[in-house]
Amino acid sequence: MLDYEITAEETQAKLKSGETLTLLDCREPWEYDVAHIEGSKHIPMGDIPARANNELDPEQHIIVVCHHGVRSMNVTAWLRQQGFEMAQSMRGGIDHWSRAIDPKVPIY
């Protein structure tokens, strides 16, 4: 079973290697508009219970992203309870991504 958290660096390595995964951004629409990781799927946290089973594949690796990692951990825990066993939260969120991986992604 995967750890509940994955680092931004590990996420970047998986993306660069071409691994098939879903980068799920669970922040609010205004946050996503300010800064997001290219190619991420946006479903606000409040919409995930209604949309997860229709829009996410429970067999796929899902890395959940928020601002600092708190909301994404809550979403990851909920997804795991729903049978999405390959869901992980990106530690430090998009804030850490901006600081450590891609400085072109705005910090807010």
Protein backbone atom coordinates (compact mmCIF):
# COMPACT_ATOMS: atom_id res chain seq x y z
CA MET A 1 0.00 0.00 0.00
CA LEU A 2 1.27 3.48 -0.86
CA ASP A 3 2.09 6.06 1.81
CA TYR A 4 -0.59 8.71 2.26
CA GLU A 5 1.91 11.42 1.27
CA ILE A 6 4.30 11.90 -1.63
CA THR A 7 6.83 14.69 -2.01
CA ALA A 8 6.80 17.29 -4.77
CA GLU A 9 10.16 15.95 -5.89
CA GLU A 10 8.81 12.39 -6.17
CA THR A 11 5.78 13.73 -8.04
CA GLN A 12 7.99 15.60 -10.49
CA ALA A 13 10.06 12.46 -11.11
CA LYS A 14 6.91 10.45 -11.85
CA LEU A 15 5.63 13.10 -14.24
CA LYS A 16 9.00 13.33 -16.02
CA SER A 17 9.19 9.56 -16.39
CA GLY A 18 5.82 9.56 -18.14
CA GLU A 19 4.10 7.47 -15.48
CA THR A 20 0.35 7.42 -15.94
CA LEU A 21 -1.21 9.32 -13.05
CA THR A 22 -3.85 11.90 -12.26
CA LEU A 23 -2.71 15.11 -10.62
CA LEU A 24 -5.89 16.21 -8.82
CA ASP A 25 -6.05 19.84 -7.69
CA CYS A 26 -8.68 20.18 -4.96
CA ARG A 27 -8.36 23.93 -4.35
CA GLU A 28 -11.04 26.54 -4.97
CA PRO A 29 -11.51 27.88 -8.54
CA TRP A 30 -9.89 31.25 -7.75
CA GLU A 31 -6.82 29.48 -6.34
CA TYR A 32 -6.54 27.28 -9.42
CA ASP A 33 -6.81 30.39 -11.62
CA VAL A 34 -3.92 32.03 -9.71
CA ALA A 35 -1.56 29.05 -9.83
CA HIS A 36 -1.73 25.44 -10.96
CA ILE A 37 0.46 22.65 -12.24
CA GLU A 38 0.11 22.18 -15.98
CA GLY A 39 -1.95 19.12 -16.82
CA SER A 40 -3.66 18.88 -13.43
CA LYS A 41 -7.34 18.01 -13.14
CA HIS A 42 -9.32 20.54 -11.11
CA ILE A 43 -12.13 19.37 -8.84
CA PRO A 44 -12.73 21.65 -5.82
CA MET A 45 -12.72 19.79 -2.50
CA GLY A 46 -16.44 20.36 -1.95
CA ASP A 47 -17.29 18.80 -5.32
CA ILE A 48 -15.19 15.66 -4.95
CA PRO A 49 -17.86 13.48 -3.25
CA ALA A 50 -20.29 14.14 -6.12
CA ARG A 51 -17.74 13.88 -8.95
CA ALA A 52 -15.07 11.37 -7.87
CA ASN A 53 -16.77 8.18 -9.04
CA ASN A 54 -17.63 9.70 -12.44
CA GLU A 55 -14.36 11.50 -13.15
CA LEU A 56 -11.60 9.56 -11.39
CA ASP A 57 -10.28 6.05 -12.02
CA PRO A 58 -9.93 4.05 -8.77
CA GLU A 59 -7.24 1.93 -10.46
CA GLN A 60 -5.04 4.91 -11.33
CA HIS A 61 -2.39 6.62 -9.21
CA ILE A 62 -3.96 9.91 -8.03
CA ILE A 63 -1.80 12.63 -6.48
CA VAL A 64 -3.94 15.25 -4.73
CA VAL A 65 -2.69 18.84 -4.55
CA CYS A 66 -3.88 21.83 -2.52
CA HIS A 67 -2.17 24.98 -1.22
CA HIS A 68 -0.09 23.56 1.65
CA GLY A 69 -1.14 19.91 1.95
CA VAL A 70 -3.96 19.93 4.53
CA ARG A 71 -6.98 19.77 2.21
CA SER A 72 -5.23 17.30 -0.07
CA MET A 73 -4.62 14.99 2.89
CA ASN A 74 -8.32 15.14 3.81
CA VAL A 75 -9.29 14.40 0.20
CA THR A 76 -6.76 11.56 0.04
CA ALA A 77 -8.17 9.99 3.21
CA TRP A 78 -11.71 10.27 1.84
CA LEU A 79 -10.68 8.80 -1.54
CA ARG A 80 -8.95 5.89 0.18
CA GLN A 81 -12.16 5.18 2.15
CA GLN A 82 -14.03 5.09 -1.17
CA GLY A 83 -11.67 2.49 -2.62
CA PHE A 84 -9.17 4.75 -4.41
CA GLU A 85 -6.23 2.87 -2.90
CA MET A 86 -3.60 4.63 -5.01
CA ALA A 87 -4.47 8.16 -3.85
CA GLN A 88 -1.70 10.22 -2.25
CA SER A 89 -1.43 13.78 -0.97
CA MET A 90 1.44 15.94 -2.22
CA ARG A 91 3.28 17.13 0.89
CA GLY A 92 3.62 20.93 1.07
CA GLY A 93 1.11 21.50 -1.73
CA ILE A 94 1.51 23.84 -4.64
CA ASP A 95 3.32 26.28 -2.37
CA HIS A 96 6.23 23.85 -2.01
CA TRP A 97 5.99 22.96 -5.72
CA SER A 98 6.42 26.66 -6.59
CA ARG A 99 9.37 27.08 -4.26
CA ALA A 100 11.23 23.83 -4.97
CA ILE A 101 10.21 22.60 -8.43
CA ASP A 102 8.75 25.29 -10.70
CA PRO A 103 9.29 28.96 -9.78
CA LYS A 104 7.13 29.96 -12.76
CA VAL A 105 4.07 28.79 -10.77
CA PRO A 106 3.03 31.86 -8.74
CA ILE A 107 3.19 31.82 -4.93
CA TYR A 108 0.14 33.26 -3.20
